Amino acid sequence: MHQQKRQPELVEGNLPVFVFPTELIFYADDQSTHKQVLTLYNPYEFALKFKVLCTTPNKYVVVDAAGAVKPQCCVDIVIRHRDVRSCHYGVIDKFRLQVSEQSQRKALGRKEVVATLLPSAKEQQKEEEEKRIKEHLTESLFFEQSFQPGSLGCFSSPFEVFL
């Protein structure tokens, strides 16, 4: 008997969505970062259609905000920040990519990508370097913590105190 290959029933909202990167960082002082690319991957055996939504659409231009992705292919979605002002520094905006099967209306899956405008790439690199140094220092100090009868409890010092 010849068995027909059946596609499993796809449940609304449960389909994993593969997008890279998962975070967009725009720098006010670096115009080359004002235009970035999201890549949407379709690893499935069926075509997907997609739609890009945004929490603040007046701040961004999304080129091809809706479209289709062939099976085992990917598409690039260009996002431009068009409102680079200091009042937007540090504000976290979100993009939502919704995907559905080509012939269906219901959303099978979605993925959110955060976007942030920062004042300066150099400032950000300095902050990240300071954070790494602090993390390295705190990670390099390890003390054994043990409870011994007669001790006053647990100390965060390499010295033990006895009565």
N, C-alpha and C. Protein backbone atom coordinates (compact mmCIF):
# COMPACT_ATOMS: atom_id res chain seq x y z
N MET A 1 0.84 -1.19 0.00
CA MET A 1 0.00 0.00 0.00
C MET A 1 0.87 1.25 0.00
N HIS A 2 0.45 2.21 -0.74
CA HIS A 2 1.18 3.47 -0.79
C HIS A 2 0.60 4.42 0.26
N GLN A 3 1.45 4.83 1.20
CA GLN A 3 0.97 5.74 2.24
C GLN A 3 1.24 7.18 1.82
N GLN A 4 0.25 8.01 2.07
CA GLN A 4 0.40 9.42 1.75
C GLN A 4 1.07 10.13 2.92
N LYS A 5 2.08 10.92 2.63
CA LYS A 5 2.78 11.68 3.67
C LYS A 5 1.87 12.83 4.09
N ARG A 6 1.53 12.84 5.38
CA ARG A 6 0.63 13.87 5.89
C ARG A 6 1.40 14.87 6.73
N GLN A 7 1.10 16.10 6.52
CA GLN A 7 1.72 17.17 7.31
C GLN A 7 0.99 17.24 8.64
N PRO A 8 1.73 17.33 9.77
CA PRO A 8 1.05 17.44 11.06
C PRO A 8 0.24 18.73 11.13
N GLU A 9 -0.83 18.67 11.88
CA GLU A 9 -1.68 19.84 12.05
C GLU A 9 -0.89 20.92 12.79
N LEU A 10 -0.81 22.09 12.20
CA LEU A 10 -0.05 23.18 12.81
C LEU A 10 -0.95 23.96 13.75
N VAL A 11 -0.50 24.10 14.99
CA VAL A 11 -1.29 24.78 16.00
C VAL A 11 -0.95 26.27 15.97
N GLU A 12 -1.97 27.10 16.07
CA GLU A 12 -1.79 28.54 16.00
C GLU A 12 -0.84 29.03 17.08
N GLY A 13 0.19 29.79 16.67
CA GLY A 13 1.10 30.41 17.61
C GLY A 13 2.27 29.58 18.10
N ASN A 14 2.34 28.29 17.74
CA ASN A 14 3.39 27.41 18.27
C ASN A 14 4.56 27.16 17.34
N LEU A 15 4.51 27.64 16.14
CA LEU A 15 5.58 27.38 15.19
C LEU A 15 6.81 28.23 15.53
N PRO A 16 7.97 27.62 15.72
CA PRO A 16 9.18 28.41 15.99
C PRO A 16 9.52 29.30 14.80
N VAL A 17 9.89 30.54 15.09
CA VAL A 17 10.25 31.51 14.06
C VAL A 17 11.73 31.82 14.23
N PHE A 18 12.48 31.74 13.14
CA PHE A 18 13.92 31.92 13.17
C PHE A 18 14.30 33.25 12.51
N VAL A 19 14.77 34.18 13.34
CA VAL A 19 15.13 35.52 12.88
C VAL A 19 16.51 35.86 13.45
N PHE A 20 17.33 36.50 12.63
CA PHE A 20 18.63 36.96 13.10
C PHE A 20 18.89 38.34 12.56
N PRO A 21 19.39 39.27 13.37
CA PRO A 21 19.66 39.16 14.80
C PRO A 21 18.37 39.28 15.60
N THR A 22 18.46 39.04 16.89
CA THR A 22 17.29 39.15 17.76
C THR A 22 17.24 40.51 18.46
N GLU A 23 18.24 41.34 18.18
CA GLU A 23 18.29 42.69 18.76
C GLU A 23 18.94 43.63 17.75
N LEU A 24 18.36 44.82 17.62
CA LEU A 24 18.92 45.84 16.74
C LEU A 24 19.37 47.01 17.60
N ILE A 25 20.62 47.44 17.41
CA ILE A 25 21.12 48.61 18.13
C ILE A 25 21.54 49.64 17.09
N PHE A 26 20.90 50.80 17.18
CA PHE A 26 21.21 51.92 16.30
C PHE A 26 22.01 52.93 17.11
N TYR A 27 23.03 53.53 16.48
CA TYR A 27 23.85 54.54 17.15
C TYR A 27 23.64 55.88 16.45
N ALA A 28 23.29 56.89 17.23
CA ALA A 28 23.01 58.20 16.67
C ALA A 28 24.21 58.78 15.94
N ASP A 29 25.41 58.55 16.46
CA ASP A 29 26.61 59.15 15.87
C ASP A 29 27.21 58.32 14.73
N ASP A 30 26.57 57.20 14.38
CA ASP A 30 27.09 56.33 13.32
C ASP A 30 25.98 56.06 12.31
N GLN A 31 25.96 56.85 11.25
CA GLN A 31 24.87 56.77 10.27
C GLN A 31 24.80 55.41 9.59
N SER A 32 25.90 54.69 9.54
CA SER A 32 25.88 53.36 8.91
C SER A 32 25.01 52.37 9.68
N THR A 33 24.72 52.65 10.96
CA THR A 33 23.86 51.76 11.74
C THR A 33 22.39 52.12 11.63
N HIS A 34 22.07 53.22 10.98
CA HIS A 34 20.67 53.65 10.88
C HIS A 34 19.86 52.76 9.95
N LYS A 35 20.54 51.91 9.18
CA LYS A 35 19.88 50.94 8.30
C LYS A 35 20.42 49.57 8.67
N GLN A 36 19.53 48.66 9.07
CA GLN A 36 19.95 47.33 9.47
C GLN A 36 19.06 46.28 8.80
N VAL A 37 19.55 45.05 8.81
CA VAL A 37 18.87 43.96 8.11
C VAL A 37 18.50 42.85 9.09
N LEU A 38 17.24 42.44 9.04
CA LEU A 38 16.78 41.24 9.75
C LEU A 38 16.67 40.14 8.71
N THR A 39 17.13 38.95 9.05
CA THR A 39 16.99 37.81 8.15
C THR A 39 16.00 36.83 8.76
N LEU A 40 14.96 36.52 8.01
CA LEU A 40 13.93 35.56 8.42
C LEU A 40 14.18 34.27 7.67
N TYR A 41 14.37 33.18 8.43
CA TYR A 41 14.68 31.87 7.85
C TYR A 41 13.43 31.00 7.85
N ASN A 42 13.27 30.20 6.80
CA ASN A 42 12.18 29.22 6.72
C ASN A 42 12.79 27.83 6.54
N PRO A 43 12.97 27.08 7.64
CA PRO A 43 13.55 25.74 7.53
C PRO A 43 12.52 24.66 7.20
N TYR A 44 11.28 25.07 7.00
CA TYR A 44 10.18 24.12 6.85
C TYR A 44 10.00 23.66 5.40
N GLU A 45 9.17 22.64 5.23
CA GLU A 45 8.89 22.04 3.91
C GLU A 45 7.77 22.77 3.18
N PHE A 46 7.24 23.83 3.77
CA PHE A 46 6.14 24.57 3.17
C PHE A 46 6.47 26.06 3.18
N ALA A 47 5.85 26.80 2.28
CA ALA A 47 6.08 28.24 2.18
C ALA A 47 5.41 28.97 3.34
N LEU A 48 6.01 30.06 3.75
CA LEU A 48 5.45 30.90 4.80
C LEU A 48 5.19 32.29 4.25
N LYS A 49 4.16 32.93 4.79
CA LYS A 49 4.03 34.36 4.54
C LYS A 49 4.32 35.05 5.87
N PHE A 50 4.82 36.27 5.79
CA PHE A 50 5.19 36.98 7.01
C PHE A 50 4.67 38.41 6.98
N LYS A 51 4.62 38.97 8.19
CA LYS A 51 4.23 40.36 8.36
C LYS A 51 5.08 40.92 9.49
N VAL A 52 5.59 42.15 9.32
CA VAL A 52 6.39 42.80 10.36
C VAL A 52 5.54 43.91 10.97
N LEU A 53 5.38 43.85 12.29
CA LEU A 53 4.65 44.87 13.04
C LEU A 53 5.65 45.60 13.93
N CYS A 54 5.31 46.81 14.36
CA CYS A 54 6.23 47.59 15.20
C CYS A 54 5.46 48.37 16.25
N THR A 55 6.05 48.52 17.44
CA THR A 55 5.40 49.30 18.50
C THR A 55 5.43 50.80 18.21
N THR A 56 6.40 51.25 17.40
CA THR A 56 6.51 52.67 17.07
C THR A 56 6.80 52.84 15.57
N PRO A 57 5.81 52.60 14.73
CA PRO A 57 6.04 52.62 13.28
C PRO A 57 6.45 53.99 12.74
N ASN A 58 6.18 55.07 13.48
CA ASN A 58 6.57 56.40 13.01
C ASN A 58 8.09 56.63 13.10
N LYS A 59 8.81 55.80 13.85
CA LYS A 59 10.26 55.96 14.00
C LYS A 59 11.06 55.13 13.00
N TYR A 60 10.40 54.21 12.30
CA TYR A 60 11.11 53.27 11.42
C TYR A 60 10.46 53.16 10.06
N VAL A 61 11.27 52.80 9.08
CA VAL A 61 10.77 52.41 7.76
C VAL A 61 11.15 50.95 7.60
N VAL A 62 10.16 50.11 7.34
CA VAL A 62 10.41 48.69 7.11
C VAL A 62 10.18 48.42 5.63
N VAL A 63 11.25 48.08 4.92
CA VAL A 63 11.15 47.77 3.50
C VAL A 63 10.61 46.35 3.39
N ASP A 64 9.57 46.16 2.60
CA ASP A 64 8.91 44.85 2.46
C ASP A 64 8.46 44.32 3.81
N ALA A 65 7.52 45.03 4.44
CA ALA A 65 7.01 44.65 5.76
C ALA A 65 6.11 43.42 5.72
N ALA A 66 5.78 42.95 4.54
CA ALA A 66 5.01 41.72 4.38
C ALA A 66 5.51 41.02 3.13
N GLY A 67 5.42 39.70 3.15
CA GLY A 67 5.90 38.95 1.99
C GLY A 67 5.84 37.46 2.22
N ALA A 68 6.60 36.73 1.43
CA ALA A 68 6.60 35.27 1.50
C ALA A 68 8.03 34.76 1.53
N VAL A 69 8.19 33.58 2.14
CA VAL A 69 9.48 32.90 2.18
C VAL A 69 9.27 31.49 1.67
N LYS A 70 9.99 31.12 0.63
CA LYS A 70 9.90 29.77 0.07
C LYS A 70 10.44 28.75 1.06
N PRO A 71 10.04 27.48 0.91
CA PRO A 71 10.58 26.44 1.79
C PRO A 71 12.11 26.39 1.74
N GLN A 72 12.72 26.24 2.91
CA GLN A 72 14.18 26.16 3.06
C GLN A 72 14.92 27.35 2.45
N CYS A 73 14.33 28.52 2.57
CA CYS A 73 14.95 29.75 2.08
C CYS A 73 14.91 30.81 3.17
N CYS A 74 15.42 31.97 2.85
CA CYS A 74 15.37 33.08 3.79
C CYS A 74 15.13 34.38 3.03
N VAL A 75 14.68 35.40 3.75
CA VAL A 75 14.50 36.72 3.17
C VAL A 75 15.14 37.75 4.10
N ASP A 76 15.65 38.81 3.50
CA ASP A 76 16.20 39.92 4.26
C ASP A 76 15.17 41.03 4.33
N ILE A 77 15.00 41.57 5.53
CA ILE A 77 14.06 42.65 5.76
C ILE A 77 14.87 43.85 6.23
N VAL A 78 14.83 44.93 5.46
CA VAL A 78 15.61 46.13 5.79
C VAL A 78 14.79 47.03 6.70
N ILE A 79 15.43 47.47 7.80
CA ILE A 79 14.79 48.37 8.75
C ILE A 79 15.65 49.62 8.87
N ARG A 80 15.02 50.78 8.65
CA ARG A 80 15.73 52.06 8.76
C ARG A 80 15.16 52.86 9.92
N HIS A 81 16.05 53.39 10.75
CA HIS A 81 15.63 54.31 11.82
C HIS A 81 15.53 55.69 11.18
N ARG A 82 14.36 56.30 11.25
CA ARG A 82 14.19 57.58 10.57
C ARG A 82 13.94 58.75 11.53
N ASP A 83 14.05 58.50 12.83
CA ASP A 83 13.80 59.58 13.80
C ASP A 83 14.90 59.57 14.86
N VAL A 84 16.12 59.88 14.44
CA VAL A 84 17.28 59.82 15.33
C VAL A 84 17.38 61.14 16.09
N ARG A 85 16.80 61.14 17.29
CA ARG A 85 16.84 62.32 18.17
C ARG A 85 17.18 61.87 19.58
N SER A 86 17.78 62.77 20.35
CA SER A 86 18.22 62.42 21.71
C SER A 86 17.07 61.99 22.62
N CYS A 87 15.86 62.46 22.36
CA CYS A 87 14.73 62.06 23.20
C CYS A 87 14.39 60.57 23.05
N HIS A 88 14.94 59.92 22.03
CA HIS A 88 14.70 58.49 21.82
C HIS A 88 15.82 57.60 22.34
N TYR A 89 16.91 58.20 22.88
CA TYR A 89 18.03 57.41 23.38
C TYR A 89 17.56 56.47 24.49
N GLY A 90 17.94 55.22 24.37
CA GLY A 90 17.64 54.23 25.42
C GLY A 90 16.23 53.67 25.40
N VAL A 91 15.37 54.20 24.55
CA VAL A 91 13.99 53.70 24.47
C VAL A 91 14.01 52.36 23.73
N ILE A 92 13.35 51.37 24.31
CA ILE A 92 13.31 50.05 23.69
C ILE A 92 12.02 49.92 22.88
N ASP A 93 12.19 49.77 21.58
CA ASP A 93 11.06 49.52 20.68
C ASP A 93 11.06 48.04 20.32
N LYS A 94 9.94 47.56 19.83
CA LYS A 94 9.86 46.14 19.45
C LYS A 94 9.28 45.97 18.06
N PHE A 95 9.84 44.99 17.37
CA PHE A 95 9.30 44.53 16.10
C PHE A 95 8.78 43.12 16.33
N ARG A 96 7.63 42.82 15.77
CA ARG A 96 7.08 41.46 15.85
C ARG A 96 6.97 40.91 14.44
N LEU A 97 7.60 39.75 14.23
CA LEU A 97 7.48 39.06 12.95
C LEU A 97 6.47 37.94 13.13
N GLN A 98 5.37 38.02 12.41
CA GLN A 98 4.34 36.99 12.45
C GLN A 98 4.44 36.18 11.18
N VAL A 99 4.37 34.86 11.32
CA VAL A 99 4.39 34.00 10.14
C VAL A 99 3.14 33.14 10.12
N SER A 100 2.71 32.83 8.91
CA SER A 100 1.57 31.93 8.72
C SER A 100 1.83 31.11 7.48
N GLU A 101 1.07 30.04 7.36
CA GLU A 101 1.18 29.21 6.16
C GLU A 101 0.63 30.01 4.98
N GLN A 102 1.21 29.83 3.82
CA GLN A 102 0.86 30.61 2.63
C GLN A 102 -0.65 30.68 2.38
N SER A 103 -1.34 29.58 2.60
CA SER A 103 -2.77 29.52 2.27
C SER A 103 -3.68 29.81 3.46
N GLN A 104 -3.11 30.13 4.61
CA GLN A 104 -3.92 30.33 5.82
C GLN A 104 -3.83 31.79 6.30
N ARG A 105 -4.81 32.16 7.11
CA ARG A 105 -4.83 33.51 7.68
C ARG A 105 -4.27 33.53 9.10
N LYS A 106 -4.44 32.45 9.83
CA LYS A 106 -4.03 32.45 11.24
C LYS A 106 -2.51 32.45 11.38
N ALA A 107 -2.04 33.19 12.39
CA ALA A 107 -0.60 33.27 12.66
C ALA A 107 -0.14 31.97 13.30
N LEU A 108 0.83 31.32 12.67
CA LEU A 108 1.36 30.06 13.20
C LEU A 108 2.47 30.30 14.22
N GLY A 109 3.16 31.41 14.10
CA GLY A 109 4.24 31.70 15.03
C GLY A 109 4.62 33.17 14.97
N ARG A 110 5.37 33.59 15.98
CA ARG A 110 5.83 34.97 15.99
C ARG A 110 7.12 35.07 16.80
N LYS A 111 7.86 36.12 16.50
CA LYS A 111 9.13 36.36 17.20
C LYS A 111 9.27 37.86 17.36
N GLU A 112 9.71 38.29 18.54
CA GLU A 112 9.92 39.71 18.78
C GLU A 112 11.40 40.05 18.74
N VAL A 113 11.70 41.18 18.15
CA VAL A 113 13.07 41.69 18.05
C VAL A 113 13.06 43.08 18.68
N VAL A 114 13.95 43.31 19.64
CA VAL A 114 14.01 44.63 20.28
C VAL A 114 14.96 45.53 19.51
N ALA A 115 14.66 46.82 19.53
CA ALA A 115 15.48 47.83 18.85
C ALA A 115 15.71 48.98 19.81
N THR A 116 16.95 49.45 19.87
CA THR A 116 17.31 50.53 20.78
C THR A 116 18.21 51.53 20.05
N LEU A 117 17.96 52.80 20.30
CA LEU A 117 18.82 53.86 19.78
C LEU A 117 19.72 54.33 20.92
N LEU A 118 21.02 54.29 20.70
CA LEU A 118 21.99 54.75 21.69
C LEU A 118 22.75 55.95 21.12
N PRO A 119 23.27 56.81 22.00
CA PRO A 119 23.92 58.02 21.50
C PRO A 119 25.22 57.77 20.74
N SER A 120 26.04 56.83 21.24
CA SER A 120 27.37 56.67 20.64
C SER A 120 27.86 55.24 20.74
N ALA A 121 28.42 54.75 19.66
CA ALA A 121 29.01 53.40 19.66
C ALA A 121 30.23 53.37 20.57
N LYS A 122 31.03 54.43 20.57
CA LYS A 122 32.23 54.48 21.41
C LYS A 122 31.86 54.46 22.88
N GLU A 123 30.83 55.21 23.25
CA GLU A 123 30.35 55.24 24.63
C GLU A 123 29.89 53.85 25.06
N GLN A 124 29.16 53.18 24.19
CA GLN A 124 28.64 51.85 24.48
C GLN A 124 29.79 50.86 24.65
N GLN A 125 30.80 50.92 23.80
CA GLN A 125 31.95 50.01 23.90
C GLN A 125 32.68 50.23 25.21
N LYS A 126 32.81 51.48 25.64
CA LYS A 126 33.48 51.80 26.90
C LYS A 126 32.70 51.19 28.07
N GLU A 127 31.37 51.35 28.07
CA GLU A 127 30.53 50.79 29.13
C GLU A 127 30.63 49.27 29.15
N GLU A 128 30.63 48.63 27.99
CA GLU A 128 30.73 47.17 27.92
C GLU A 128 32.07 46.69 28.44
N GLU A 129 33.15 47.41 28.13
CA GLU A 129 34.48 47.05 28.61
C GLU A 129 34.54 47.17 30.13
N GLU A 130 33.97 48.24 30.69
CA GLU A 130 33.94 48.41 32.15
C GLU A 130 33.13 47.28 32.79
N LYS A 131 32.04 46.91 32.18
CA LYS A 131 31.20 45.82 32.70
C LYS A 131 31.97 44.50 32.68
N ARG A 132 32.69 44.22 31.58
CA ARG A 132 33.49 42.99 31.49
C ARG A 132 34.57 42.95 32.57
N ILE A 133 35.22 44.09 32.81
CA ILE A 133 36.27 44.15 33.84
C ILE A 133 35.66 43.86 35.21
N LYS A 134 34.52 44.47 35.52
CA LYS A 134 33.86 44.22 36.80
C LYS A 134 33.45 42.76 36.93
N GLU A 135 32.88 42.18 35.87
CA GLU A 135 32.48 40.78 35.91
C GLU A 135 33.69 39.88 36.10
N HIS A 136 34.81 40.19 35.44
CA HIS A 136 36.03 39.40 35.58
C HIS A 136 36.53 39.44 37.01
N LEU A 137 36.51 40.63 37.63
CA LEU A 137 36.99 40.75 39.00
C LEU A 137 36.10 39.98 39.96
N THR A 138 34.78 40.10 39.79
CA THR A 138 33.89 39.38 40.70
C THR A 138 33.94 37.88 40.47
N GLU A 139 34.18 37.47 39.23
CA GLU A 139 34.25 36.04 38.95
C GLU A 139 35.54 35.42 39.47
N SER A 140 36.59 36.22 39.67
CA SER A 140 37.87 35.66 40.08
C SER A 140 38.01 35.53 41.59
N LEU A 141 37.06 36.02 42.37
CA LEU A 141 37.13 35.91 43.82
C LEU A 141 36.19 34.81 44.30
N PHE A 142 36.75 33.65 44.62
CA PHE A 142 35.95 32.53 45.09
C PHE A 142 36.40 32.15 46.48
N PHE A 143 35.46 31.94 47.38
CA PHE A 143 35.78 31.54 48.74
C PHE A 143 34.98 30.30 49.08
N GLU A 144 35.59 29.42 49.83
CA GLU A 144 34.88 28.23 50.28
C GLU A 144 33.98 28.65 51.43
N GLN A 145 32.75 28.24 51.34
CA GLN A 145 31.81 28.54 52.41
C GLN A 145 31.39 27.23 53.03
N SER A 146 31.75 27.07 54.28
CA SER A 146 31.38 25.84 54.97
C SER A 146 30.96 26.17 56.38
N PHE A 147 30.09 25.37 56.90
CA PHE A 147 29.63 25.56 58.27
C PHE A 147 30.39 24.58 59.14
N GLN A 148 31.06 25.12 60.15
CA GLN A 148 31.79 24.26 61.07
C GLN A 148 31.22 24.46 62.46
N PRO A 149 31.09 23.39 63.22
CA PRO A 149 30.59 23.54 64.60
C PRO A 149 31.47 24.52 65.35
N GLY A 150 30.85 25.44 66.04
CA GLY A 150 31.60 26.41 66.82
C GLY A 150 31.87 27.69 66.07
N SER A 151 31.58 27.73 64.78
CA SER A 151 31.81 28.97 64.04
C SER A 151 30.57 29.84 64.13
N LEU A 152 30.70 31.08 63.78
CA LEU A 152 29.58 32.03 63.87
C LEU A 152 28.74 32.06 62.60
N GLY A 153 28.77 31.03 61.83
CA GLY A 153 27.97 31.01 60.61
C GLY A 153 28.84 31.12 59.38
N CYS A 154 28.28 31.67 58.36
CA CYS A 154 28.95 31.73 57.07
C CYS A 154 29.52 33.12 56.85
N PHE A 155 30.79 33.21 56.52
CA PHE A 155 31.44 34.49 56.27
C PHE A 155 31.87 34.57 54.83
N SER A 156 31.86 35.77 54.30
CA SER A 156 32.32 35.95 52.92
C SER A 156 33.76 36.46 52.91
N SER A 157 34.56 35.91 53.78
CA SER A 157 35.96 36.31 53.89
C SER A 157 36.81 35.05 53.86
N PRO A 158 38.03 35.16 53.38
CA PRO A 158 38.88 33.97 53.37
C PRO A 158 39.35 33.59 54.78
N PHE A 159 39.05 34.43 55.78
CA PHE A 159 39.48 34.17 57.15
C PHE A 159 38.32 33.56 57.93
N GLU A 160 38.61 32.65 58.82
CA GLU A 160 37.58 32.05 59.65
C GLU A 160 37.64 32.67 61.03
N VAL A 161 36.49 32.87 61.63
CA VAL A 161 36.41 33.46 62.96
C VAL A 161 35.97 32.38 63.93
N PHE A 162 36.72 32.20 64.99
CA PHE A 162 36.38 31.22 66.01
C PHE A 162 36.28 31.93 67.34
N LEU A 163 35.38 31.44 68.20
CA LEU A 163 35.24 31.99 69.55
C LEU A 163 36.13 31.26 70.51
